[in-house]
Amino acid sequence: MSDIISFDDFTKVDIRTGTIIEVNDFEKAKKPAYQLKIDFGDLGIKQSSAQITDLYSKEDLLHKQITAIVNFKPKQIADFMSECLVLGVANPKGEVVLLKPSNTTNNGSQVN
């Protein structure tokens, strides 16, 4: 388990739902990854690098709603600026399974 945090610490993490509107191969990534463009409604469109190629094809991801942390500082990955962190959990094989709402929500809805 990670360090214990306070509820105030948790409220600093801005987790939102968004819909993937574009998926491209990220050939310059060290590990297989996609470049995603995600619509977060009023927050706008953000891009992310995601190592989720084991379980998801580009066609599977297009128009899929996901959850992501949207208030991290942007991170340079090769020649790409990742602006949010798409959330997932590793299955027993180590493949990343996306965390997503079980029902459709408005893009930009905040997890609380």
PDB file of N, CA and C in Angstrom:
ATOM      1  N   MET A   1       0.850  -1.179   0.000  1.00  0.00           N
ATOM      2  CA  MET A   1       0.000   0.000   0.000  1.00  0.00           C
ATOM      3  C   MET A   1       0.897   1.244   0.000  1.00  0.00           C
ATOM      4  N   SER A   2       0.436   2.269  -0.685  1.00  0.00           N
ATOM      5  CA  SER A   2       1.157   3.544  -0.722  1.00  0.00           C
ATOM      6  C   SER A   2       0.988   4.281   0.598  1.00  0.00           C
ATOM      7  N   ASP A   3       1.678   5.416   0.714  1.00  0.00           N
ATOM      8  CA  ASP A   3       1.566   6.236   1.914  1.00  0.00           C
ATOM      9  C   ASP A   3       0.116   6.657   2.134  1.00  0.00           C
ATOM     10  N   ILE A   4      -0.273   6.767   3.395  1.00  0.00           N
ATOM     11  CA  ILE A   4      -1.604   7.258   3.759  1.00  0.00           C
ATOM     12  C   ILE A   4      -1.678   8.745   3.409  1.00  0.00           C
ATOM     13  N   ILE A   5      -2.790   9.139   2.795  1.00  0.00           N
ATOM     14  CA  ILE A   5      -3.000  10.552   2.464  1.00  0.00           C
ATOM     15  C   ILE A   5      -4.273  11.028   3.145  1.00  0.00           C
ATOM     16  N   SER A   6      -4.404  12.325   3.221  1.00  0.00           N
ATOM     17  CA  SER A   6      -5.618  12.905   3.797  1.00  0.00           C
ATOM     18  C   SER A   6      -6.675  13.071   2.703  1.00  0.00           C
ATOM     19  N   PHE A   7      -7.897  13.315   3.109  1.00  0.00           N
ATOM     20  CA  PHE A   7      -8.961  13.581   2.141  1.00  0.00           C
ATOM     21  C   PHE A   7      -8.631  14.832   1.337  1.00  0.00           C
ATOM     22  N   ASP A   8      -8.005  15.825   1.983  1.00  0.00           N
ATOM     23  CA  ASP A   8      -7.593  17.041   1.268  1.00  0.00           C
ATOM     24  C   ASP A   8      -6.616  16.706   0.150  1.00  0.00           C
ATOM     25  N   ASP A   9      -5.706  15.745   0.398  1.00  0.00           N
ATOM     26  CA  ASP A   9      -4.783  15.319  -0.659  1.00  0.00           C
ATOM     27  C   ASP A   9      -5.563  14.721  -1.824  1.00  0.00           C
ATOM     28  N   PHE A  10      -6.549  13.875  -1.521  1.00  0.00           N
ATOM     29  CA  PHE A  10      -7.345  13.242  -2.571  1.00  0.00           C
ATOM     30  C   PHE A  10      -8.087  14.277  -3.405  1.00  0.00           C
ATOM     31  N   THR A  11      -8.620  15.308  -2.768  1.00  0.00           N
ATOM     32  CA  THR A  11      -9.398  16.303  -3.509  1.00  0.00           C
ATOM     33  C   THR A  11      -8.541  17.113  -4.475  1.00  0.00           C
ATOM     34  N   LYS A  12      -7.223  17.063  -4.338  1.00  0.00           N
ATOM     35  CA  LYS A  12      -6.326  17.752  -5.272  1.00  0.00           C
ATOM     36  C   LYS A  12      -6.216  17.011  -6.607  1.00  0.00           C
ATOM     37  N   VAL A  13      -6.551  15.716  -6.612  1.00  0.00           N
ATOM     38  CA  VAL A  13      -6.460  14.908  -7.824  1.00  0.00           C
ATOM     39  C   VAL A  13      -7.762  15.081  -8.602  1.00  0.00           C
ATOM     40  N   ASP A  14      -7.675  15.609  -9.800  1.00  0.00           N
ATOM     41  CA  ASP A  14      -8.857  15.880 -10.622  1.00  0.00           C
ATOM     42  C   ASP A  14      -9.033  14.743 -11.632  1.00  0.00           C
ATOM     43  N   ILE A  15      -9.955  13.832 -11.315  1.00  0.00           N
ATOM     44  CA  ILE A  15     -10.227  12.671 -12.166  1.00  0.00           C
ATOM     45  C   ILE A  15     -11.530  12.933 -12.908  1.00  0.00           C
ATOM     46  N   ARG A  16     -11.477  12.838 -14.234  1.00  0.00           N
ATOM     47  CA  ARG A  16     -12.636  13.150 -15.071  1.00  0.00           C
ATOM     48  C   ARG A  16     -12.889  12.048 -16.088  1.00  0.00           C
ATOM     49  N   THR A  17     -14.118  12.016 -16.581  1.00  0.00           N
ATOM     50  CA  THR A  17     -14.437  11.121 -17.690  1.00  0.00           C
ATOM     51  C   THR A  17     -14.279  11.891 -18.995  1.00  0.00           C
ATOM     52  N   GLY A  18     -13.870  11.157 -20.017  1.00  0.00           N
ATOM     53  CA  GLY A  18     -13.709  11.742 -21.339  1.00  0.00           C
ATOM     54  C   GLY A  18     -13.888  10.671 -22.396  1.00  0.00           C
ATOM     55  N   THR A  19     -14.098  11.100 -23.625  1.00  0.00           N
ATOM     56  CA  THR A  19     -14.283  10.181 -24.741  1.00  0.00           C
ATOM     57  C   THR A  19     -13.106  10.300 -25.700  1.00  0.00           C
ATOM     58  N   ILE A  20     -12.531   9.152 -26.044  1.00  0.00           N
ATOM     59  CA  ILE A  20     -11.411   9.118 -26.977  1.00  0.00           C
ATOM     60  C   ILE A  20     -11.935   9.448 -28.371  1.00  0.00           C
ATOM     61  N   ILE A  21     -11.376  10.482 -28.981  1.00  0.00           N
ATOM     62  CA  ILE A  21     -11.844  10.909 -30.303  1.00  0.00           C
ATOM     63  C   ILE A  21     -10.818  10.659 -31.408  1.00  0.00           C
ATOM     64  N   GLU A  22      -9.588  10.318 -31.016  1.00  0.00           N
ATOM     65  CA  GLU A  22      -8.560  10.006 -32.017  1.00  0.00           C
ATOM     66  C   GLU A  22      -7.528   9.081 -31.389  1.00  0.00           C
ATOM     67  N   VAL A  23      -7.087   8.084 -32.160  1.00  0.00           N
ATOM     68  CA  VAL A  23      -6.083   7.122 -31.697  1.00  0.00           C
ATOM     69  C   VAL A  23      -5.045   6.938 -32.799  1.00  0.00           C
ATOM     70  N   ASN A  24      -3.771   7.084 -32.431  1.00  0.00           N
ATOM     71  CA  ASN A  24      -2.685   6.880 -33.386  1.00  0.00           C
ATOM     72  C   ASN A  24      -1.594   6.029 -32.748  1.00  0.00           C
ATOM     73  N   ASP A  25      -0.890   5.261 -33.568  1.00  0.00           N
ATOM     74  CA  ASP A  25       0.273   4.529 -33.079  1.00  0.00           C
ATOM     75  C   ASP A  25       1.327   5.535 -32.637  1.00  0.00           C
ATOM     76  N   PHE A  26       2.032   5.206 -31.559  1.00  0.00           N
ATOM     77  CA  PHE A  26       3.108   6.068 -31.064  1.00  0.00           C
ATOM     78  C   PHE A  26       4.425   5.344 -31.314  1.00  0.00           C
ATOM     79  N   GLU A  27       4.933   5.499 -32.504  1.00  0.00           N
ATOM     80  CA  GLU A  27       6.095   4.740 -32.946  1.00  0.00           C
ATOM     81  C   GLU A  27       7.385   5.135 -32.235  1.00  0.00           C
ATOM     82  N   LYS A  28       7.472   6.351 -31.707  1.00  0.00           N
ATOM     83  CA  LYS A  28       8.691   6.790 -31.034  1.00  0.00           C
ATOM     84  C   LYS A  28       8.721   6.432 -29.548  1.00  0.00           C
ATOM     85  N   ALA A  29       7.648   5.850 -29.028  1.00  0.00           N
ATOM     86  CA  ALA A  29       7.612   5.447 -27.622  1.00  0.00           C
ATOM     87  C   ALA A  29       8.550   4.265 -27.402  1.00  0.00           C
ATOM     88  N   LYS A  30       9.180   4.200 -26.220  1.00  0.00           N
ATOM     89  CA  LYS A  30      10.084   3.098 -25.904  1.00  0.00           C
ATOM     90  C   LYS A  30       9.332   1.777 -25.798  1.00  0.00           C
ATOM     91  N   LYS A  31       8.130   1.810 -25.233  1.00  0.00           N
ATOM     92  CA  LYS A  31       7.277   0.625 -25.123  1.00  0.00           C
ATOM     93  C   LYS A  31       6.059   0.875 -26.006  1.00  0.00           C
ATOM     94  N   PRO A  32       5.448  -0.182 -26.551  1.00  0.00           N
ATOM     95  CA  PRO A  32       4.285   0.023 -27.429  1.00  0.00           C
ATOM     96  C   PRO A  32       3.209   0.879 -26.745  1.00  0.00           C
ATOM     97  N   ALA A  33       2.741   1.889 -27.472  1.00  0.00           N
ATOM     98  CA  ALA A  33       1.760   2.826 -26.913  1.00  0.00           C
ATOM     99  C   ALA A  33       0.951   3.456 -28.035  1.00  0.00           C
ATOM    100  N   TYR A  34      -0.145   4.077 -27.617  1.00  0.00           N
ATOM    101  CA  TYR A  34      -0.957   4.879 -28.531  1.00  0.00           C
ATOM    102  C   TYR A  34      -0.879   6.339 -28.100  1.00  0.00           C
ATOM    103  N   GLN A  35      -1.074   7.216 -29.065  1.00  0.00           N
ATOM    104  CA  GLN A  35      -1.310   8.625 -28.788  1.00  0.00           C
ATOM    105  C   GLN A  35      -2.820   8.819 -28.866  1.00  0.00           C
ATOM    106  N   LEU A  36      -3.404   9.336 -27.803  1.00  0.00           N
ATOM    107  CA  LEU A  36      -4.850   9.517 -27.733  1.00  0.00           C
ATOM    108  C   LEU A  36      -5.199  10.997 -27.679  1.00  0.00           C
ATOM    109  N   LYS A  37      -6.305  11.365 -28.318  1.00  0.00           N
ATOM    110  CA  LYS A  37      -6.933  12.662 -28.108  1.00  0.00           C
ATOM    111  C   LYS A  37      -8.258  12.368 -27.436  1.00  0.00           C
ATOM    112  N   ILE A  38      -8.504  13.066 -26.320  1.00  0.00           N
ATOM    113  CA  ILE A  38      -9.651  12.773 -25.474  1.00  0.00           C
ATOM    114  C   ILE A  38     -10.462  14.042 -25.261  1.00  0.00           C
ATOM    115  N   ASP A  39     -11.772  13.947 -25.479  1.00  0.00           N
ATOM    116  CA  ASP A  39     -12.695  15.073 -25.294  1.00  0.00           C
ATOM    117  C   ASP A  39     -13.184  15.069 -23.855  1.00  0.00           C
ATOM    118  N   PHE A  40     -12.825  16.112 -23.107  1.00  0.00           N
ATOM    119  CA  PHE A  40     -13.255  16.272 -21.727  1.00  0.00           C
ATOM    120  C   PHE A  40     -14.319  17.366 -21.592  1.00  0.00           C
ATOM    121  N   GLY A  41     -15.155  17.522 -22.582  1.00  0.00           N
ATOM    122  CA  GLY A  41     -16.248  18.487 -22.517  1.00  0.00           C
ATOM    123  C   GLY A  41     -15.745  19.906 -22.344  1.00  0.00           C
ATOM    124  N   ASP A  42     -16.225  20.595 -21.307  1.00  0.00           N
ATOM    125  CA  ASP A  42     -15.855  21.991 -21.069  1.00  0.00           C
ATOM    126  C   ASP A  42     -14.357  22.186 -20.820  1.00  0.00           C
ATOM    127  N   LEU A  43     -13.650  21.122 -20.414  1.00  0.00           N
ATOM    128  CA  LEU A  43     -12.198  21.229 -20.197  1.00  0.00           C
ATOM    129  C   LEU A  43     -11.426  21.205 -21.509  1.00  0.00           C
ATOM    130  N   GLY A  44     -12.102  20.825 -22.589  1.00  0.00           N
ATOM    131  CA  GLY A  44     -11.460  20.785 -23.891  1.00  0.00           C
ATOM    132  C   GLY A  44     -10.898  19.419 -24.231  1.00  0.00           C
ATOM    133  N   ILE A  45     -10.065  19.395 -25.244  1.00  0.00           N
ATOM    134  CA  ILE A  45      -9.456  18.159 -25.733  1.00  0.00           C
ATOM    135  C   ILE A  45      -8.032  18.102 -25.209  1.00  0.00           C
ATOM    136  N   LYS A  46      -7.689  16.972 -24.614  1.00  0.00           N
ATOM    137  CA  LYS A  46      -6.335  16.746 -24.106  1.00  0.00           C
ATOM    138  C   LYS A  46      -5.771  15.508 -24.781  1.00  0.00           C
ATOM    139  N   GLN A  47      -4.443  15.457 -24.846  1.00  0.00           N
ATOM    140  CA  GLN A  47      -3.813  14.294 -25.447  1.00  0.00           C
ATOM    141  C   GLN A  47      -3.041  13.524 -24.389  1.00  0.00           C
ATOM    142  N   SER A  48      -2.891  12.223 -24.643  1.00  0.00           N
ATOM    143  CA  SER A  48      -2.209  11.351 -23.700  1.00  0.00           C
ATOM    144  C   SER A  48      -1.511  10.231 -24.444  1.00  0.00           C
ATOM    145  N   SER A  49      -0.399   9.790 -23.892  1.00  0.00           N
ATOM    146  CA  SER A  49       0.265   8.579 -24.353  1.00  0.00           C
ATOM    147  C   SER A  49      -0.190   7.462 -23.420  1.00  0.00           C
ATOM    148  N   ALA A  50      -0.599   6.326 -23.993  1.00  0.00           N
ATOM    149  CA  ALA A  50      -1.103   5.230 -23.166  1.00  0.00           C
ATOM    150  C   ALA A  50      -0.558   3.892 -23.657  1.00  0.00           C
ATOM    151  N   GLN A  51       0.044   3.143 -22.731  1.00  0.00           N
ATOM    152  CA  GLN A  51       0.584   1.822 -23.051  1.00  0.00           C
ATOM    153  C   GLN A  51      -0.513   0.771 -22.863  1.00  0.00           C
ATOM    154  N   ILE A  52      -1.460   0.774 -23.785  1.00  0.00           N
ATOM    155  CA  ILE A  52      -2.629  -0.106 -23.676  1.00  0.00           C
ATOM    156  C   ILE A  52      -2.823  -0.936 -24.940  1.00  0.00           C
ATOM    157  N   THR A  53      -1.723  -1.177 -25.653  1.00  0.00           N
ATOM    158  CA  THR A  53      -1.813  -1.875 -26.936  1.00  0.00           C
ATOM    159  C   THR A  53      -2.050  -3.374 -26.791  1.00  0.00           C
ATOM    160  N   ASP A  54      -1.792  -3.959 -25.633  1.00  0.00           N
ATOM    161  CA  ASP A  54      -1.969  -5.408 -25.451  1.00  0.00           C
ATOM    162  C   ASP A  54      -3.425  -5.834 -25.578  1.00  0.00           C
ATOM    163  N   LEU A  55      -4.322  -5.062 -24.995  1.00  0.00           N
ATOM    164  CA  LEU A  55      -5.735  -5.472 -24.941  1.00  0.00           C
ATOM    165  C   LEU A  55      -6.651  -4.678 -25.852  1.00  0.00           C
ATOM    166  N   TYR A  56      -6.184  -3.557 -26.383  1.00  0.00           N
ATOM    167  CA  TYR A  56      -7.068  -2.668 -27.137  1.00  0.00           C
ATOM    168  C   TYR A  56      -6.486  -2.329 -28.508  1.00  0.00           C
ATOM    169  N   SER A  57      -7.302  -2.479 -29.521  1.00  0.00           N
ATOM    170  CA  SER A  57      -6.925  -2.007 -30.853  1.00  0.00           C
ATOM    171  C   SER A  57      -7.348  -0.551 -30.971  1.00  0.00           C
ATOM    172  N   LYS A  58      -6.847   0.116 -31.989  1.00  0.00           N
ATOM    173  CA  LYS A  58      -7.243   1.507 -32.216  1.00  0.00           C
ATOM    174  C   LYS A  58      -8.756   1.601 -32.421  1.00  0.00           C
ATOM    175  N   GLU A  59      -9.310   0.632 -33.134  1.00  0.00           N
ATOM    176  CA  GLU A  59     -10.757   0.632 -33.401  1.00  0.00           C
ATOM    177  C   GLU A  59     -11.557   0.429 -32.113  1.00  0.00           C
ATOM    178  N   ASP A  60     -11.032  -0.402 -31.186  1.00  0.00           N
ATOM    179  CA  ASP A  60     -11.707  -0.626 -29.901  1.00  0.00           C
ATOM    180  C   ASP A  60     -11.776   0.661 -29.081  1.00  0.00           C
ATOM    181  N   LEU A  61     -10.740   1.468 -29.182  1.00  0.00           N
ATOM    182  CA  LEU A  61     -10.630   2.654 -28.334  1.00  0.00           C
ATOM    183  C   LEU A  61     -11.413   3.850 -28.839  1.00  0.00           C
ATOM    184  N   LEU A  62     -11.568   3.963 -30.132  1.00  0.00           N
ATOM    185  CA  LEU A  62     -12.249   5.123 -30.696  1.00  0.00           C
ATOM    186  C   LEU A  62     -13.675   5.209 -30.162  1.00  0.00           C
ATOM    187  N   HIS A  63     -14.032   6.340 -29.603  1.00  0.00           N
ATOM    188  CA  HIS A  63     -15.347   6.641 -29.022  1.00  0.00           C
ATOM    189  C   HIS A  63     -15.588   5.951 -27.683  1.00  0.00           C
ATOM    190  N   LYS A  64     -14.556   5.346 -27.094  1.00  0.00           N
ATOM    191  CA  LYS A  64     -14.678   4.721 -25.772  1.00  0.00           C
ATOM    192  C   LYS A  64     -14.538   5.801 -24.707  1.00  0.00           C
ATOM    193  N   GLN A  65     -15.393   5.726 -23.686  1.00  0.00           N
ATOM    194  CA  GLN A  65     -15.293   6.674 -22.580  1.00  0.00           C
ATOM    195  C   GLN A  65     -14.345   6.086 -21.531  1.00  0.00           C
ATOM    196  N   ILE A  66     -13.460   6.921 -21.026  1.00  0.00           N
ATOM    197  CA  ILE A  66     -12.439   6.500 -20.064  1.00  0.00           C
ATOM    198  C   ILE A  66     -12.404   7.471 -18.890  1.00  0.00           C
ATOM    199  N   THR A  67     -11.565   7.156 -17.905  1.00  0.00           N
ATOM    200  CA  THR A  67     -11.294   8.085 -16.810  1.00  0.00           C
ATOM    201  C   THR A  67      -9.820   8.464 -16.875  1.00  0.00           C
ATOM    202  N   ALA A  68      -9.529   9.697 -16.481  1.00  0.00           N
ATOM    203  CA  ALA A  68      -8.147  10.170 -16.524  1.00  0.00           C
ATOM    204  C   ALA A  68      -7.941  11.251 -15.472  1.00  0.00           C
ATOM    205  N   ILE A  69      -6.697  11.366 -15.029  1.00  0.00           N
ATOM    206  CA  ILE A  69      -6.306  12.484 -14.175  1.00  0.00           C
ATOM    207  C   ILE A  69      -5.925  13.622 -15.114  1.00  0.00           C
ATOM    208  N   VAL A  70      -6.594  14.755 -14.936  1.00  0.00           N
ATOM    209  CA  VAL A  70      -6.421  15.859 -15.889  1.00  0.00           C
ATOM    210  C   VAL A  70      -5.594  17.020 -15.344  1.00  0.00           C
ATOM    211  N   ASN A  71      -5.158  16.945 -14.080  1.00  0.00           N
ATOM    212  CA  ASN A  71      -4.428  18.088 -13.530  1.00  0.00           C
ATOM    213  C   ASN A  71      -2.971  17.772 -13.190  1.00  0.00           C
ATOM    214  N   PHE A  72      -2.376  16.792 -13.884  1.00  0.00           N
ATOM    215  CA  PHE A  72      -0.931  16.608 -13.814  1.00  0.00           C
ATOM    216  C   PHE A  72      -0.259  17.630 -14.715  1.00  0.00           C
ATOM    217  N   LYS A  73       0.998  17.952 -14.401  1.00  0.00           N
ATOM    218  CA  LYS A  73       1.775  18.782 -15.319  1.00  0.00           C
ATOM    219  C   LYS A  73       1.989  17.979 -16.601  1.00  0.00           C
ATOM    220  N   PRO A  74       1.928  18.622 -17.760  1.00  0.00           N
ATOM    221  CA  PRO A  74       2.200  17.900 -19.014  1.00  0.00           C
ATOM    222  C   PRO A  74       3.581  17.246 -18.968  1.00  0.00           C
ATOM    223  N   LYS A  75       3.688  16.077 -19.621  1.00  0.00           N
ATOM    224  CA  LYS A  75       4.936  15.317 -19.623  1.00  0.00           C
ATOM    225  C   LYS A  75       5.372  15.050 -21.055  1.00  0.00           C
ATOM    226  N   GLN A  76       6.623  15.401 -21.345  1.00  0.00           N
ATOM    227  CA  GLN A  76       7.189  15.161 -22.670  1.00  0.00           C
ATOM    228  C   GLN A  76       7.584  13.693 -22.778  1.00  0.00           C
ATOM    229  N   ILE A  77       7.044  13.006 -23.796  1.00  0.00           N
ATOM    230  CA  ILE A  77       7.401  11.619 -24.085  1.00  0.00           C
ATOM    231  C   ILE A  77       7.826  11.590 -25.546  1.00  0.00           C
ATOM    232  N   ALA A  78       9.132  11.408 -25.766  1.00  0.00           N
ATOM    233  CA  ALA A  78       9.705  11.530 -27.110  1.00  0.00           C
ATOM    234  C   ALA A  78       9.333  12.907 -27.661  1.00  0.00           C
ATOM    235  N   ASP A  79       8.658  12.962 -28.815  1.00  0.00           N
ATOM    236  CA  ASP A  79       8.282  14.254 -29.400  1.00  0.00           C
ATOM    237  C   ASP A  79       6.818  14.599 -29.142  1.00  0.00           C
ATOM    238  N   PHE A  80       6.239  13.994 -28.110  1.00  0.00           N
ATOM    239  CA  PHE A  80       4.801  14.123 -27.826  1.00  0.00           C
ATOM    240  C   PHE A  80       4.612  14.658 -26.414  1.00  0.00           C
ATOM    241  N   MET A  81       3.662  15.596 -26.253  1.00  0.00           N
ATOM    242  CA  MET A  81       3.352  16.139 -24.931  1.00  0.00           C
ATOM    243  C   MET A  81       2.082  15.486 -24.400  1.00  0.00           C
ATOM    244  N   SER A  82       2.225  14.692 -23.332  1.00  0.00           N
ATOM    245  CA  SER A  82       1.087  14.024 -22.708  1.00  0.00           C
ATOM    246  C   SER A  82       0.500  14.958 -21.655  1.00  0.00           C
ATOM    247  N   GLU A  83      -0.802  15.258 -21.774  1.00  0.00           N
ATOM    248  CA  GLU A  83      -1.442  16.267 -20.930  1.00  0.00           C
ATOM    249  C   GLU A  83      -2.336  15.698 -19.835  1.00  0.00           C
ATOM    250  N   CYS A  84      -2.563  14.387 -19.850  1.00  0.00           N
ATOM    251  CA  CYS A  84      -3.387  13.762 -18.825  1.00  0.00           C
ATOM    252  C   CYS A  84      -2.946  12.307 -18.686  1.00  0.00           C
ATOM    253  N   LEU A  85      -3.376  11.660 -17.616  1.00  0.00           N
ATOM    254  CA  LEU A  85      -3.017  10.269 -17.357  1.00  0.00           C
ATOM    255  C   LEU A  85      -4.279   9.415 -17.394  1.00  0.00           C
ATOM    256  N   VAL A  86      -4.371   8.574 -18.415  1.00  0.00           N
ATOM    257  CA  VAL A  86      -5.495   7.648 -18.540  1.00  0.00           C
ATOM    258  C   VAL A  86      -5.317   6.558 -17.482  1.00  0.00           C
ATOM    259  N   LEU A  87      -6.389   6.245 -16.770  1.00  0.00           N
ATOM    260  CA  LEU A  87      -6.294   5.318 -15.646  1.00  0.00           C
ATOM    261  C   LEU A  87      -6.600   3.882 -16.061  1.00  0.00           C
ATOM    262  N   GLY A  88      -5.815   2.978 -15.521  1.00  0.00           N
ATOM    263  CA  GLY A  88      -6.008   1.559 -15.778  1.00  0.00           C
ATOM    264  C   GLY A  88      -5.397   0.758 -14.647  1.00  0.00           C
ATOM    265  N   VAL A  89      -5.634  -0.534 -14.675  1.00  0.00           N
ATOM    266  CA  VAL A  89      -5.099  -1.448 -13.670  1.00  0.00           C
ATOM    267  C   VAL A  89      -4.549  -2.670 -14.400  1.00  0.00           C
ATOM    268  N   ALA A  90      -3.461  -3.216 -13.892  1.00  0.00           N
ATOM    269  CA  ALA A  90      -2.859  -4.380 -14.530  1.00  0.00           C
ATOM    270  C   ALA A  90      -3.626  -5.644 -14.155  1.00  0.00           C
ATOM    271  N   ASN A  91      -3.906  -6.471 -15.164  1.00  0.00           N
ATOM    272  CA  ASN A  91      -4.522  -7.771 -14.908  1.00  0.00           C
ATOM    273  C   ASN A  91      -3.425  -8.759 -14.513  1.00  0.00           C
ATOM    274  N   PRO A  92      -3.758 -10.017 -14.205  1.00  0.00           N
ATOM    275  CA  PRO A  92      -2.729 -10.979 -13.785  1.00  0.00           C
ATOM    276  C   PRO A  92      -1.595 -11.182 -14.798  1.00  0.00           C
ATOM    277  N   LYS A  93      -1.836 -10.922 -16.073  1.00  0.00           N
ATOM    278  CA  LYS A  93      -0.799 -11.054 -17.095  1.00  0.00           C
ATOM    279  C   LYS A  93       0.037  -9.785 -17.241  1.00  0.00           C
ATOM    280  N   GLY A  94      -0.302  -8.734 -16.490  1.00  0.00           N
ATOM    281  CA  GLY A  94       0.418  -7.473 -16.579  1.00  0.00           C
ATOM    282  C   GLY A  94      -0.099  -6.551 -17.662  1.00  0.00           C
ATOM    283  N   GLU A  95      -1.200  -6.912 -18.294  1.00  0.00           N
ATOM    284  CA  GLU A  95      -1.804  -6.063 -19.340  1.00  0.00           C
ATOM    285  C   GLU A  95      -2.683  -5.012 -18.665  1.00  0.00           C
ATOM    286  N   VAL A  96      -2.677  -3.811 -19.214  1.00  0.00           N
ATOM    287  CA  VAL A  96      -3.439  -2.714 -18.614  1.00  0.00           C
ATOM    288  C   VAL A  96      -4.897  -2.770 -19.067  1.00  0.00           C
ATOM    289  N   VAL A  97      -5.791  -2.812 -18.082  1.00  0.00           N
ATOM    290  CA  VAL A  97      -7.233  -2.780 -18.311  1.00  0.00           C
ATOM    291  C   VAL A  97      -7.709  -1.379 -17.945  1.00  0.00           C
ATOM    292  N   LEU A  98      -8.378  -0.716 -18.874  1.00  0.00           N
ATOM    293  CA  LEU A  98      -8.845   0.648 -18.640  1.00  0.00           C
ATOM    294  C   LEU A  98      -9.923   0.712 -17.572  1.00  0.00           C
ATOM    295  N   LEU A  99      -9.860   1.771 -16.765  1.00  0.00           N
ATOM    296  CA  LEU A  99     -10.934   2.066 -15.817  1.00  0.00           C
ATOM    297  C   LEU A  99     -11.898   2.999 -16.528  1.00  0.00           C
ATOM    298  N   LYS A 100     -13.174   2.625 -16.541  1.00  0.00           N
ATOM    299  CA  LYS A 100     -14.152   3.420 -17.275  1.00  0.00           C
ATOM    300  C   LYS A 100     -15.491   3.354 -16.558  1.00  0.00           C
ATOM    301  N   PRO A 101     -16.346   4.334 -16.807  1.00  0.00           N
ATOM    302  CA  PRO A 101     -17.675   4.297 -16.194  1.00  0.00           C
ATOM    303  C   PRO A 101     -18.471   3.113 -16.739  1.00  0.00           C
ATOM    304  N   SER A 102     -19.313   2.537 -15.890  1.00  0.00           N
ATOM    305  CA  SER A 102     -20.150   1.425 -16.343  1.00  0.00           C
ATOM    306  C   SER A 102     -21.328   1.924 -17.180  1.00  0.00           C
ATOM    307  N   ASN A 103     -21.672   3.183 -17.031  1.00  0.00           N
ATOM    308  CA  ASN A 103     -22.701   3.828 -17.844  1.00  0.00           C
ATOM    309  C   ASN A 103     -22.117   5.110 -18.431  1.00  0.00           C
ATOM    310  N   THR A 104     -22.678   5.578 -19.539  1.00  0.00           N
ATOM    311  CA  THR A 104     -22.189   6.792 -20.165  1.00  0.00           C
ATOM    312  C   THR A 104     -22.424   7.992 -19.252  1.00  0.00           C
ATOM    313  N   THR A 105     -21.424   8.862 -19.180  1.00  0.00           N
ATOM    314  CA  THR A 105     -21.521  10.107 -18.418  1.00  0.00           C
ATOM    315  C   THR A 105     -21.213  11.265 -19.358  1.00  0.00           C
ATOM    316  N   ASN A 106     -21.435  12.474 -18.900  1.00  0.00           N
ATOM    317  CA  ASN A 106     -21.040  13.648 -19.682  1.00  0.00           C
ATOM    318  C   ASN A 106     -19.521  13.746 -19.672  1.00  0.00           C
ATOM    319  N   ASN A 107     -18.942  14.055 -20.825  1.00  0.00           N
ATOM    320  CA  ASN A 107     -17.497  14.281 -20.862  1.00  0.00           C
ATOM    321  C   ASN A 107     -17.145  15.415 -19.924  1.00  0.00           C
ATOM    322  N   GLY A 108     -16.094  15.193 -19.138  1.00  0.00           N
ATOM    323  CA  GLY A 108     -15.674  16.185 -18.167  1.00  0.00           C
ATOM    324  C   GLY A 108     -16.283  15.976 -16.795  1.00  0.00           C
ATOM    325  N   SER A 109     -17.153  14.972 -16.633  1.00  0.00           N
ATOM    326  CA  SER A 109     -17.724  14.702 -15.307  1.00  0.00           C
ATOM    327  C   SER A 109     -16.609  14.329 -14.346  1.00  0.00           C
ATOM    328  N   GLN A 110     -16.676  14.875 -13.149  1.00  0.00           N
ATOM    329  CA  GLN A 110     -15.625  14.676 -12.147  1.00  0.00           C
ATOM    330  C   GLN A 110     -15.934  13.473 -11.266  1.00  0.00           C
ATOM    331  N   VAL A 111     -14.910  12.649 -11.040  1.00  0.00           N
ATOM    332  CA  VAL A 111     -15.029  11.523 -10.104  1.00  0.00           C
ATOM    333  C   VAL A 111     -14.911  12.085  -8.702  1.00  0.00           C
ATOM    334  N   ASN A 112     -15.871  11.746  -7.854  1.00  0.00           N
ATOM    335  CA  ASN A 112     -15.801  12.210  -6.452  1.00  0.00           C
ATOM    336  C   ASN A 112     -16.402  11.191  -5.525  1.00  0.00           C
TER     337      ASN A 112
END
